[in-house]
């Protein structure tokens, strides 16, 4: 009983080596419906004729809002420590999801 009391409110999270390596992304495409947000992470490389979605994360609207708040909080703390993050203008380009046209 005492053991359960200590672990109440704690989440045990495991991070395996492959996931810990991470996946590089320099583009995120976000779509949503009434019940979910879909975030596709893409790595765009200059001169590459095709760029693939490297990871897709699907979350509820409530979790999307929590994620946005957590990102904003972390960006503020980062800028407090290291200075303002410069926001570069990105070139406009057409997104093409292949023959199906679906994301």
PDB file of N, CA and C in Angstrom:
ATOM      1  N   UNK A   1       0.824  -1.197   0.000  1.00  0.00           N
ATOM      2  CA  UNK A   1       0.000   0.000   0.000  1.00  0.00           C
ATOM      3  C   UNK A   1       0.870   1.263   0.000  1.00  0.00           C
ATOM      4  N   UNK A   2       1.922   1.258   0.790  1.00  0.00           N
ATOM      5  CA  UNK A   2       2.831   2.406   0.876  1.00  0.00           C
ATOM      6  C   UNK A   2       3.519   2.666  -0.466  1.00  0.00           C
ATOM      7  N   UNK A   3       3.843   1.595  -1.202  1.00  0.00           N
ATOM      8  CA  UNK A   3       4.503   1.730  -2.502  1.00  0.00           C
ATOM      9  C   UNK A   3       3.586   2.444  -3.491  1.00  0.00           C
ATOM     10  N   UNK A   4       2.308   2.107  -3.501  1.00  0.00           N
ATOM     11  CA  UNK A   4       1.348   2.750  -4.384  1.00  0.00           C
ATOM     12  C   UNK A   4       1.201   4.229  -4.054  1.00  0.00           C
ATOM     13  N   UNK A   5       1.280   4.570  -2.794  1.00  0.00           N
ATOM     14  CA  UNK A   5       1.140   5.950  -2.360  1.00  0.00           C
ATOM     15  C   UNK A   5       2.293   6.797  -2.918  1.00  0.00           C
ATOM     16  N   UNK A   6       3.511   6.254  -2.918  1.00  0.00           N
ATOM     17  CA  UNK A   6       4.674   6.974  -3.424  1.00  0.00           C
ATOM     18  C   UNK A   6       4.617   7.168  -4.935  1.00  0.00           C
ATOM     19  N   UNK A   7       4.064   6.206  -5.668  1.00  0.00           N
ATOM     20  CA  UNK A   7       4.045   6.285  -7.128  1.00  0.00           C
ATOM     21  C   UNK A   7       2.810   7.004  -7.661  1.00  0.00           C
ATOM     22  N   UNK A   8       1.895   7.386  -6.795  1.00  0.00           N
ATOM     23  CA  UNK A   8       0.686   8.073  -7.237  1.00  0.00           C
ATOM     24  C   UNK A   8       1.055   9.432  -7.843  1.00  0.00           C
ATOM     25  N   UNK A   9       0.531   9.698  -9.020  1.00  0.00           N
ATOM     26  CA  UNK A   9       0.797  10.959  -9.691  1.00  0.00           C
ATOM     27  C   UNK A   9       2.095  10.986 -10.470  1.00  0.00           C
ATOM     28  N   UNK A  10       2.818   9.874 -10.519  1.00  0.00           N
ATOM     29  CA  UNK A  10       4.064   9.806 -11.272  1.00  0.00           C
ATOM     30  C   UNK A  10       3.861   8.935 -12.504  1.00  0.00           C
ATOM     31  N   UNK A  11       4.541   9.299 -13.568  1.00  0.00           N
ATOM     32  CA  UNK A  11       4.471   8.530 -14.803  1.00  0.00           C
ATOM     33  C   UNK A  11       5.855   7.968 -15.084  1.00  0.00           C
ATOM     34  N   UNK A  12       5.936   6.681 -15.303  1.00  0.00           N
ATOM     35  CA  UNK A  12       7.199   6.037 -15.641  1.00  0.00           C
ATOM     36  C   UNK A  12       7.332   6.041 -17.160  1.00  0.00           C
ATOM     37  N   UNK A  13       8.367   6.719 -17.676  1.00  0.00           N
ATOM     38  CA  UNK A  13       8.566   6.846 -19.116  1.00  0.00           C
ATOM     39  C   UNK A  13       9.877   6.178 -19.505  1.00  0.00           C
ATOM     40  N   UNK A  14       9.824   5.358 -20.544  1.00  0.00           N
ATOM     41  CA  UNK A  14      11.019   4.678 -21.051  1.00  0.00           C
ATOM     42  C   UNK A  14      11.386   5.273 -22.404  1.00  0.00           C
ATOM     43  N   UNK A  15      12.669   5.552 -22.596  1.00  0.00           N
ATOM     44  CA  UNK A  15      13.171   6.100 -23.848  1.00  0.00           C
ATOM     45  C   UNK A  15      14.210   5.146 -24.400  1.00  0.00           C
ATOM     46  N   UNK A  16      13.849   4.420 -25.490  1.00  0.00           N
ATOM     47  CA  UNK A  16      14.826   3.476 -26.045  1.00  0.00           C
ATOM     48  C   UNK A  16      15.866   4.218 -26.882  1.00  0.00           C
ATOM     49  N   UNK A  17      16.964   3.545 -27.190  1.00  0.00           N
ATOM     50  CA  UNK A  17      18.106   4.178 -27.856  1.00  0.00           C
ATOM     51  C   UNK A  17      17.751   4.744 -29.223  1.00  0.00           C
ATOM     52  N   UNK A  18      16.971   4.040 -30.005  1.00  0.00           N
ATOM     53  CA  UNK A  18      16.615   4.491 -31.354  1.00  0.00           C
ATOM     54  C   UNK A  18      15.811   5.791 -31.291  1.00  0.00           C
ATOM     55  N   UNK A  19      14.849   5.853 -30.403  1.00  0.00           N
ATOM     56  CA  UNK A  19      14.037   7.061 -30.264  1.00  0.00           C
ATOM     57  C   UNK A  19      14.876   8.201 -29.690  1.00  0.00           C
ATOM     58  N   UNK A  20      15.784   7.884 -28.782  1.00  0.00           N
ATOM     59  CA  UNK A  20      16.637   8.896 -28.155  1.00  0.00           C
ATOM     60  C   UNK A  20      17.529   9.602 -29.172  1.00  0.00           C
ATOM     61  N   UNK A  21      17.855   8.942 -30.286  1.00  0.00           N
ATOM     62  CA  UNK A  21      18.662   9.562 -31.333  1.00  0.00           C
ATOM     63  C   UNK A  21      17.946  10.751 -31.963  1.00  0.00           C
ATOM     64  N   UNK A  22      16.628  10.723 -31.980  1.00  0.00           N
ATOM     65  CA  UNK A  22      15.844  11.803 -32.554  1.00  0.00           C
ATOM     66  C   UNK A  22      15.784  11.732 -34.063  1.00  0.00           C
ATOM     67  N   UNK A  23      14.951  12.578 -34.643  1.00  0.00           N
ATOM     68  CA  UNK A  23      14.799  12.684 -36.085  1.00  0.00           C
ATOM     69  C   UNK A  23      14.832  14.155 -36.443  1.00  0.00           C
ATOM     70  N   UNK A  24      15.731  14.534 -37.355  1.00  0.00           N
ATOM     71  CA  UNK A  24      15.847  15.933 -37.756  1.00  0.00           C
ATOM     72  C   UNK A  24      14.668  16.334 -38.628  1.00  0.00           C
ATOM     73  N   UNK A  25      14.139  17.537 -38.365  1.00  0.00           N
ATOM     74  CA  UNK A  25      13.063  18.097 -39.164  1.00  0.00           C
ATOM     75  C   UNK A  25      13.261  19.597 -39.270  1.00  0.00           C
ATOM     76  N   UNK A  26      13.055  20.142 -40.476  1.00  0.00           N
ATOM     77  CA  UNK A  26      13.102  21.589 -40.638  1.00  0.00           C
ATOM     78  C   UNK A  26      11.800  22.129 -41.229  1.00  0.00           C
ATOM     79  N   UNK A  27      10.764  21.291 -41.188  1.00  0.00           N
ATOM     80  CA  UNK A  27       9.435  21.705 -41.628  1.00  0.00           C
ATOM     81  C   UNK A  27       8.395  20.897 -40.864  1.00  0.00           C
ATOM     82  N   UNK A  28       7.402  21.591 -40.351  1.00  0.00           N
ATOM     83  CA  UNK A  28       6.263  20.915 -39.723  1.00  0.00           C
ATOM     84  C   UNK A  28       4.998  21.377 -40.443  1.00  0.00           C
ATOM     85  N   UNK A  29       4.186  20.423 -40.834  1.00  0.00           N
ATOM     86  CA  UNK A  29       2.913  20.709 -41.496  1.00  0.00           C
ATOM     87  C   UNK A  29       1.817  20.280 -40.535  1.00  0.00           C
ATOM     88  N   UNK A  30       0.927  21.207 -40.225  1.00  0.00           N
ATOM     89  CA  UNK A  30      -0.113  20.928 -39.228  1.00  0.00           C
ATOM     90  C   UNK A  30      -1.488  21.002 -39.878  1.00  0.00           C
ATOM     91  N   UNK A  31      -2.266  19.952 -39.692  1.00  0.00           N
ATOM     92  CA  UNK A  31      -3.662  19.905 -40.123  1.00  0.00           C
ATOM     93  C   UNK A  31      -4.503  19.523 -38.916  1.00  0.00           C
ATOM     94  N   UNK A  32      -5.791  19.803 -38.987  1.00  0.00           N
ATOM     95  CA  UNK A  32      -6.651  19.440 -37.861  1.00  0.00           C
ATOM     96  C   UNK A  32      -8.077  19.152 -38.325  1.00  0.00           C
ATOM     97  N   UNK A  33      -8.744  18.392 -37.479  1.00  0.00           N
ATOM     98  CA  UNK A  33     -10.179  18.147 -37.631  1.00  0.00           C
ATOM     99  C   UNK A  33     -10.809  18.533 -36.300  1.00  0.00           C
ATOM    100  N   UNK A  34     -12.055  18.260 -36.148  1.00  0.00           N
ATOM    101  CA  UNK A  34     -12.728  18.583 -34.894  1.00  0.00           C
ATOM    102  C   UNK A  34     -12.180  17.743 -33.728  1.00  0.00           C
ATOM    103  N   UNK A  35     -11.613  16.583 -34.020  1.00  0.00           N
ATOM    104  CA  UNK A  35     -11.206  15.673 -32.948  1.00  0.00           C
ATOM    105  C   UNK A  35      -9.711  15.466 -32.804  1.00  0.00           C
ATOM    106  N   UNK A  36      -8.891  15.970 -33.767  1.00  0.00           N
ATOM    107  CA  UNK A  36      -7.459  15.712 -33.668  1.00  0.00           C
ATOM    108  C   UNK A  36      -6.633  16.726 -34.442  1.00  0.00           C
ATOM    109  N   UNK A  37      -5.386  16.857 -34.024  1.00  0.00           N
ATOM    110  CA  UNK A  37      -4.376  17.625 -34.746  1.00  0.00           C
ATOM    111  C   UNK A  37      -3.371  16.619 -35.286  1.00  0.00           C
ATOM    112  N   UNK A  38      -2.974  16.795 -36.554  1.00  0.00           N
ATOM    113  CA  UNK A  38      -1.989  15.929 -37.182  1.00  0.00           C
ATOM    114  C   UNK A  38      -0.780  16.799 -37.511  1.00  0.00           C
ATOM    115  N   UNK A  39       0.378  16.432 -36.952  1.00  0.00           N
ATOM    116  CA  UNK A  39       1.609  17.182 -37.191  1.00  0.00           C
ATOM    117  C   UNK A  39       2.576  16.271 -37.937  1.00  0.00           C
ATOM    118  N   UNK A  40       2.894  16.653 -39.173  1.00  0.00           N
ATOM    119  CA  UNK A  40       3.865  15.920 -39.987  1.00  0.00           C
ATOM    120  C   UNK A  40       5.192  16.657 -39.922  1.00  0.00           C
ATOM    121  N   UNK A  41       6.254  15.936 -39.567  1.00  0.00           N
ATOM    122  CA  UNK A  41       7.596  16.499 -39.514  1.00  0.00           C
ATOM    123  C   UNK A  41       8.360  16.027 -40.745  1.00  0.00           C
ATOM    124  N   UNK A  42       8.904  16.996 -41.498  1.00  0.00           N
ATOM    125  CA  UNK A  42       9.566  16.728 -42.772  1.00  0.00           C
ATOM    126  C   UNK A  42      10.987  17.274 -42.701  1.00  0.00           C
ATOM    127  N   UNK A  43      11.900  16.618 -43.407  1.00  0.00           N
ATOM    128  CA  UNK A  43      13.258  17.115 -43.553  1.00  0.00           C
ATOM    129  C   UNK A  43      13.449  17.487 -45.020  1.00  0.00           C
ATOM    130  N   UNK A  44      13.527  18.795 -45.281  1.00  0.00           N
ATOM    131  CA  UNK A  44      13.692  19.300 -46.641  1.00  0.00           C
ATOM    132  C   UNK A  44      15.182  19.499 -46.888  1.00  0.00           C
ATOM    133  N   UNK A  45      15.716  18.869 -47.919  1.00  0.00           N
ATOM    134  CA  UNK A  45      17.128  19.023 -48.267  1.00  0.00           C
ATOM    135  C   UNK A  45      17.248  19.692 -49.631  1.00  0.00           C
ATOM    136  N   UNK A  46      18.127  20.702 -49.744  1.00  0.00           N
ATOM    137  CA  UNK A  46      18.299  21.406 -51.025  1.00  0.00           C
ATOM    138  C   UNK A  46      18.655  20.439 -52.148  1.00  0.00           C
ATOM    139  N   UNK A  47      18.002  20.615 -53.280  1.00  0.00           N
ATOM    140  CA  UNK A  47      18.290  19.801 -54.457  1.00  0.00           C
ATOM    141  C   UNK A  47      17.624  18.442 -54.465  1.00  0.00           C
ATOM    142  N   UNK A  48      16.958  18.091 -53.377  1.00  0.00           N
ATOM    143  CA  UNK A  48      16.304  16.789 -53.318  1.00  0.00           C
ATOM    144  C   UNK A  48      14.965  16.858 -54.060  1.00  0.00           C
ATOM    145  N   UNK A  49      14.747  15.945 -55.031  1.00  0.00           N
ATOM    146  CA  UNK A  49      13.492  15.990 -55.782  1.00  0.00           C
ATOM    147  C   UNK A  49      12.281  15.566 -54.958  1.00  0.00           C
ATOM    148  N   UNK A  50      12.513  14.774 -53.928  1.00  0.00           N
ATOM    149  CA  UNK A  50      11.425  14.275 -53.086  1.00  0.00           C
ATOM    150  C   UNK A  50      11.843  14.368 -51.634  1.00  0.00           C
ATOM    151  N   UNK A  51      10.941  14.854 -50.793  1.00  0.00           N
ATOM    152  CA  UNK A  51      11.195  14.948 -49.362  1.00  0.00           C
ATOM    153  C   UNK A  51      10.078  14.195 -48.646  1.00  0.00           C
ATOM    154  N   UNK A  52      10.453  13.302 -47.750  1.00  0.00           N
ATOM    155  CA  UNK A  52       9.468  12.451 -47.096  1.00  0.00           C
ATOM    156  C   UNK A  52       9.131  12.939 -45.705  1.00  0.00           C
ATOM    157  N   UNK A  53       7.902  12.654 -45.293  1.00  0.00           N
ATOM    158  CA  UNK A  53       7.504  12.867 -43.911  1.00  0.00           C
ATOM    159  C   UNK A  53       8.320  11.888 -43.066  1.00  0.00           C
ATOM    160  N   UNK A  54       9.025  12.403 -42.077  1.00  0.00           N
ATOM    161  CA  UNK A  54       9.873  11.575 -41.221  1.00  0.00           C
ATOM    162  C   UNK A  54       9.109  11.052 -40.015  1.00  0.00           C
ATOM    163  N   UNK A  55       8.115  11.807 -39.576  1.00  0.00           N
ATOM    164  CA  UNK A  55       7.343  11.396 -38.410  1.00  0.00           C
ATOM    165  C   UNK A  55       5.990  12.093 -38.444  1.00  0.00           C
ATOM    166  N   UNK A  56       4.957  11.394 -38.021  1.00  0.00           N
ATOM    167  CA  UNK A  56       3.608  11.963 -37.919  1.00  0.00           C
ATOM    168  C   UNK A  56       3.128  11.757 -36.489  1.00  0.00           C
ATOM    169  N   UNK A  57       2.708  12.842 -35.879  1.00  0.00           N
ATOM    170  CA  UNK A  57       2.181  12.790 -34.521  1.00  0.00           C
ATOM    171  C   UNK A  57       0.716  13.232 -34.570  1.00  0.00           C
ATOM    172  N   UNK A  58      -0.152  12.444 -33.969  1.00  0.00           N
ATOM    173  CA  UNK A  58      -1.587  12.752 -33.934  1.00  0.00           C
ATOM    174  C   UNK A  58      -1.979  12.944 -32.471  1.00  0.00           C
ATOM    175  N   UNK A  59      -2.536  14.122 -32.170  1.00  0.00           N
ATOM    176  CA  UNK A  59      -2.897  14.445 -30.788  1.00  0.00           C
ATOM    177  C   UNK A  59      -4.289  15.070 -30.732  1.00  0.00           C
ATOM    178  N   UNK A  60      -4.868  15.070 -29.539  1.00  0.00           N
ATOM    179  CA  UNK A  60      -6.178  15.687 -29.336  1.00  0.00           C
ATOM    180  C   UNK A  60      -6.034  17.212 -29.333  1.00  0.00           C
ATOM    181  N   UNK A  61      -7.112  17.942 -29.576  1.00  0.00           N
ATOM    182  CA  UNK A  61      -7.047  19.406 -29.501  1.00  0.00           C
ATOM    183  C   UNK A  61      -6.557  19.896 -28.130  1.00  0.00           C
ATOM    184  N   UNK A  62      -6.951  19.214 -27.060  1.00  0.00           N
ATOM    185  CA  UNK A  62      -6.513  19.608 -25.719  1.00  0.00           C
ATOM    186  C   UNK A  62      -5.002  19.469 -25.577  1.00  0.00           C
ATOM    187  N   UNK A  63      -4.447  18.375 -26.091  1.00  0.00           N
ATOM    188  CA  UNK A  63      -3.001  18.187 -26.026  1.00  0.00           C
ATOM    189  C   UNK A  63      -2.265  19.152 -26.959  1.00  0.00           C
ATOM    190  N   UNK A  64      -2.879  19.501 -28.087  1.00  0.00           N
ATOM    191  CA  UNK A  64      -2.276  20.486 -28.992  1.00  0.00           C
ATOM    192  C   UNK A  64      -2.144  21.830 -28.281  1.00  0.00           C
ATOM    193  N   UNK A  65      -3.168  22.208 -27.529  1.00  0.00           N
ATOM    194  CA  UNK A  65      -3.122  23.471 -26.795  1.00  0.00           C
ATOM    195  C   UNK A  65      -2.053  23.419 -25.700  1.00  0.00           C
ATOM    196  N   UNK A  66      -1.952  22.286 -24.999  1.00  0.00           N
ATOM    197  CA  UNK A  66      -0.911  22.131 -23.978  1.00  0.00           C
ATOM    198  C   UNK A  66       0.478  22.169 -24.609  1.00  0.00           C
ATOM    199  N   UNK A  67       0.630  21.560 -25.795  1.00  0.00           N
ATOM    200  CA  UNK A  67       1.911  21.571 -26.501  1.00  0.00           C
ATOM    201  C   UNK A  67       2.292  22.997 -26.898  1.00  0.00           C
ATOM    202  N   UNK A  68       1.324  23.757 -27.422  1.00  0.00           N
ATOM    203  CA  UNK A  68       1.585  25.145 -27.812  1.00  0.00           C
ATOM    204  C   UNK A  68       2.035  25.966 -26.601  1.00  0.00           C
ATOM    205  N   UNK A  69       1.381  25.778 -25.467  1.00  0.00           N
ATOM    206  CA  UNK A  69       1.759  26.501 -24.240  1.00  0.00           C
ATOM    207  C   UNK A  69       3.156  26.089 -23.788  1.00  0.00           C
ATOM    208  N   UNK A  70       3.445  24.793 -23.813  1.00  0.00           N
ATOM    209  CA  UNK A  70       4.761  24.308 -23.386  1.00  0.00           C
ATOM    210  C   UNK A  70       5.858  24.840 -24.311  1.00  0.00           C
ATOM    211  N   UNK A  71       5.609  24.870 -25.622  1.00  0.00           N
ATOM    212  CA  UNK A  71       6.583  25.425 -26.566  1.00  0.00           C
ATOM    213  C   UNK A  71       6.815  26.908 -26.299  1.00  0.00           C
ATOM    214  N   UNK A  72       5.738  27.665 -26.113  1.00  0.00           N
ATOM    215  CA  UNK A  72       5.872  29.095 -25.823  1.00  0.00           C
ATOM    216  C   UNK A  72       6.647  29.338 -24.536  1.00  0.00           C
ATOM    217  N   UNK A  73       6.360  28.569 -23.492  1.00  0.00           N
ATOM    218  CA  UNK A  73       7.077  28.706 -22.217  1.00  0.00           C
ATOM    219  C   UNK A  73       8.562  28.408 -22.401  1.00  0.00           C
ATOM    220  N   UNK A  74       8.871  27.346 -23.141  1.00  0.00           N
ATOM    221  CA  UNK A  74      10.267  26.970 -23.354  1.00  0.00           C
ATOM    222  C   UNK A  74      11.003  27.972 -24.246  1.00  0.00           C
ATOM    223  N   UNK A  75      10.334  28.511 -25.241  1.00  0.00           N
ATOM    224  CA  UNK A  75      10.952  29.528 -26.090  1.00  0.00           C
ATOM    225  C   UNK A  75      11.263  30.774 -25.262  1.00  0.00           C
ATOM    226  N   UNK A  76      10.348  31.171 -24.399  1.00  0.00           N
ATOM    227  CA  UNK A  76      10.592  32.332 -23.529  1.00  0.00           C
ATOM    228  C   UNK A  76      11.804  32.102 -22.639  1.00  0.00           C
ATOM    229  N   UNK A  77      11.893  30.918 -22.034  1.00  0.00           N
ATOM    230  CA  UNK A  77      13.043  30.612 -21.171  1.00  0.00           C
ATOM    231  C   UNK A  77      14.335  30.568 -21.983  1.00  0.00           C
ATOM    232  N   UNK A  78      14.285  29.991 -23.177  1.00  0.00           N
ATOM    233  CA  UNK A  78      15.460  29.948 -24.050  1.00  0.00           C
ATOM    234  C   UNK A  78      15.939  31.366 -24.361  1.00  0.00           C
ATOM    235  N   UNK A  79      14.997  32.243 -24.764  1.00  0.00           N
ATOM    236  CA  UNK A  79      15.362  33.610 -25.133  1.00  0.00           C
ATOM    237  C   UNK A  79      15.854  34.409 -23.924  1.00  0.00           C
ATOM    238  N   UNK A  80      15.341  34.121 -22.747  1.00  0.00           N
ATOM    239  CA  UNK A  80      15.853  34.762 -21.528  1.00  0.00           C
ATOM    240  C   UNK A  80      17.319  34.402 -21.304  1.00  0.00           C
ATOM    241  N   UNK A  81      17.688  33.178 -21.631  1.00  0.00           N
ATOM    242  CA  UNK A  81      19.065  32.703 -21.420  1.00  0.00           C
ATOM    243  C   UNK A  81      20.016  33.041 -22.565  1.00  0.00           C
ATOM    244  N   UNK A  82      19.517  32.982 -23.801  1.00  0.00           N
ATOM    245  CA  UNK A  82      20.411  33.063 -24.961  1.00  0.00           C
ATOM    246  C   UNK A  82      20.108  34.210 -25.914  1.00  0.00           C
ATOM    247  N   UNK A  83      19.100  34.980 -25.650  1.00  0.00           N
ATOM    248  CA  UNK A  83      18.740  36.085 -26.534  1.00  0.00           C
ATOM    249  C   UNK A  83      17.637  35.700 -27.499  1.00  0.00           C
ATOM    250  N   UNK A  84      17.153  36.693 -28.202  1.00  0.00           N
ATOM    251  CA  UNK A  84      16.018  36.528 -29.111  1.00  0.00           C
ATOM    252  C   UNK A  84      16.350  35.577 -30.268  1.00  0.00           C
ATOM    253  N   UNK A  85      15.402  34.752 -30.614  1.00  0.00           N
ATOM    254  CA  UNK A  85      15.527  33.857 -31.766  1.00  0.00           C
ATOM    255  C   UNK A  85      15.086  34.638 -32.996  1.00  0.00           C
ATOM    256  N   UNK A  86      15.968  34.745 -33.981  1.00  0.00           N
ATOM    257  CA  UNK A  86      15.632  35.468 -35.204  1.00  0.00           C
ATOM    258  C   UNK A  86      14.670  34.630 -36.034  1.00  0.00           C
ATOM    259  N   UNK A  87      13.620  35.278 -36.499  1.00  0.00           N
ATOM    260  CA  UNK A  87      12.619  34.614 -37.330  1.00  0.00           C
ATOM    261  C   UNK A  87      12.879  34.982 -38.787  1.00  0.00           C
ATOM    262  N   UNK A  88      13.467  34.068 -39.548  1.00  0.00           N
ATOM    263  CA  UNK A  88      13.791  34.313 -40.953  1.00  0.00           C
ATOM    264  C   UNK A  88      12.558  34.120 -41.810  1.00  0.00           C
ATOM    265  N   UNK A  89      12.456  34.936 -42.868  1.00  0.00           N
ATOM    266  CA  UNK A  89      11.387  34.734 -43.842  1.00  0.00           C
ATOM    267  C   UNK A  89      11.722  33.491 -44.647  1.00  0.00           C
ATOM    268  N   UNK A  90      10.781  32.584 -44.756  1.00  0.00           N
ATOM    269  CA  UNK A  90      10.993  31.363 -45.528  1.00  0.00           C
ATOM    270  C   UNK A  90      10.500  31.565 -46.952  1.00  0.00           C
ATOM    271  N   UNK A  91      11.212  31.003 -47.923  1.00  0.00           N
ATOM    272  CA  UNK A  91      10.733  31.117 -49.304  1.00  0.00           C
ATOM    273  C   UNK A  91       9.409  30.371 -49.462  1.00  0.00           C
ATOM    274  N   UNK A  92       8.574  30.891 -50.311  1.00  0.00           N
ATOM    275  CA  UNK A  92       7.285  30.242 -50.578  1.00  0.00           C
ATOM    276  C   UNK A  92       7.512  29.058 -51.518  1.00  0.00           C
ATOM    277  N   UNK A  93       6.880  27.937 -51.206  1.00  0.00           N
ATOM    278  CA  UNK A  93       6.981  26.782 -52.087  1.00  0.00           C
ATOM    279  C   UNK A  93       5.688  25.983 -52.004  1.00  0.00           C
ATOM    280  N   UNK A  94       5.419  25.246 -53.055  1.00  0.00           N
ATOM    281  CA  UNK A  94       4.219  24.434 -53.172  1.00  0.00           C
ATOM    282  C   UNK A  94       4.444  23.084 -52.487  1.00  0.00           C
ATOM    283  N   UNK A  95       3.524  22.672 -51.637  1.00  0.00           N
ATOM    284  CA  UNK A  95       3.594  21.349 -51.017  1.00  0.00           C
ATOM    285  C   UNK A  95       2.849  20.367 -51.895  1.00  0.00           C
ATOM    286  N   UNK A  96       3.489  19.239 -52.192  1.00  0.00           N
ATOM    287  CA  UNK A  96       2.895  18.220 -53.039  1.00  0.00           C
ATOM    288  C   UNK A  96       2.952  16.895 -52.293  1.00  0.00           C
ATOM    289  N   UNK A  97       1.804  16.326 -52.016  1.00  0.00           N
ATOM    290  CA  UNK A  97       1.742  15.076 -51.267  1.00  0.00           C
ATOM    291  C   UNK A  97       1.611  13.865 -52.175  1.00  0.00           C
ATOM    292  N   UNK A  98       2.147  13.938 -53.368  1.00  0.00           N
ATOM    293  CA  UNK A  98       2.152  12.796 -54.267  1.00  0.00           C
ATOM    294  C   UNK A  98       0.842  12.616 -54.992  1.00  0.00           C
ATOM    295  N   UNK A  99       0.663  11.445 -55.616  1.00  0.00           N
ATOM    296  CA  UNK A  99      -0.498  11.236 -56.486  1.00  0.00           C
ATOM    297  C   UNK A  99      -1.839  11.260 -55.765  1.00  0.00           C
ATOM    298  N   UNK A 100      -1.872  10.959 -54.455  1.00  0.00           N
ATOM    299  CA  UNK A 100      -3.170  10.938 -53.752  1.00  0.00           C
ATOM    300  C   UNK A 100      -3.615  12.319 -53.349  1.00  0.00           C
ATOM    301  N   UNK A 101      -2.660  13.234 -53.121  1.00  0.00           N
ATOM    302  CA  UNK A 101      -3.020  14.590 -52.713  1.00  0.00           C
ATOM    303  C   UNK A 101      -3.496  14.659 -51.283  1.00  0.00           C
ATOM    304  N   UNK A 102      -3.292  13.604 -50.512  1.00  0.00           N
ATOM    305  CA  UNK A 102      -3.765  13.581 -49.130  1.00  0.00           C
ATOM    306  C   UNK A 102      -2.579  13.645 -48.187  1.00  0.00           C
ATOM    307  N   UNK A 103      -2.798  14.290 -47.055  1.00  0.00           N
ATOM    308  CA  UNK A 103      -1.744  14.343 -46.031  1.00  0.00           C
ATOM    309  C   UNK A 103      -2.077  13.444 -44.877  1.00  0.00           C
TER     310      UNK A 103
END
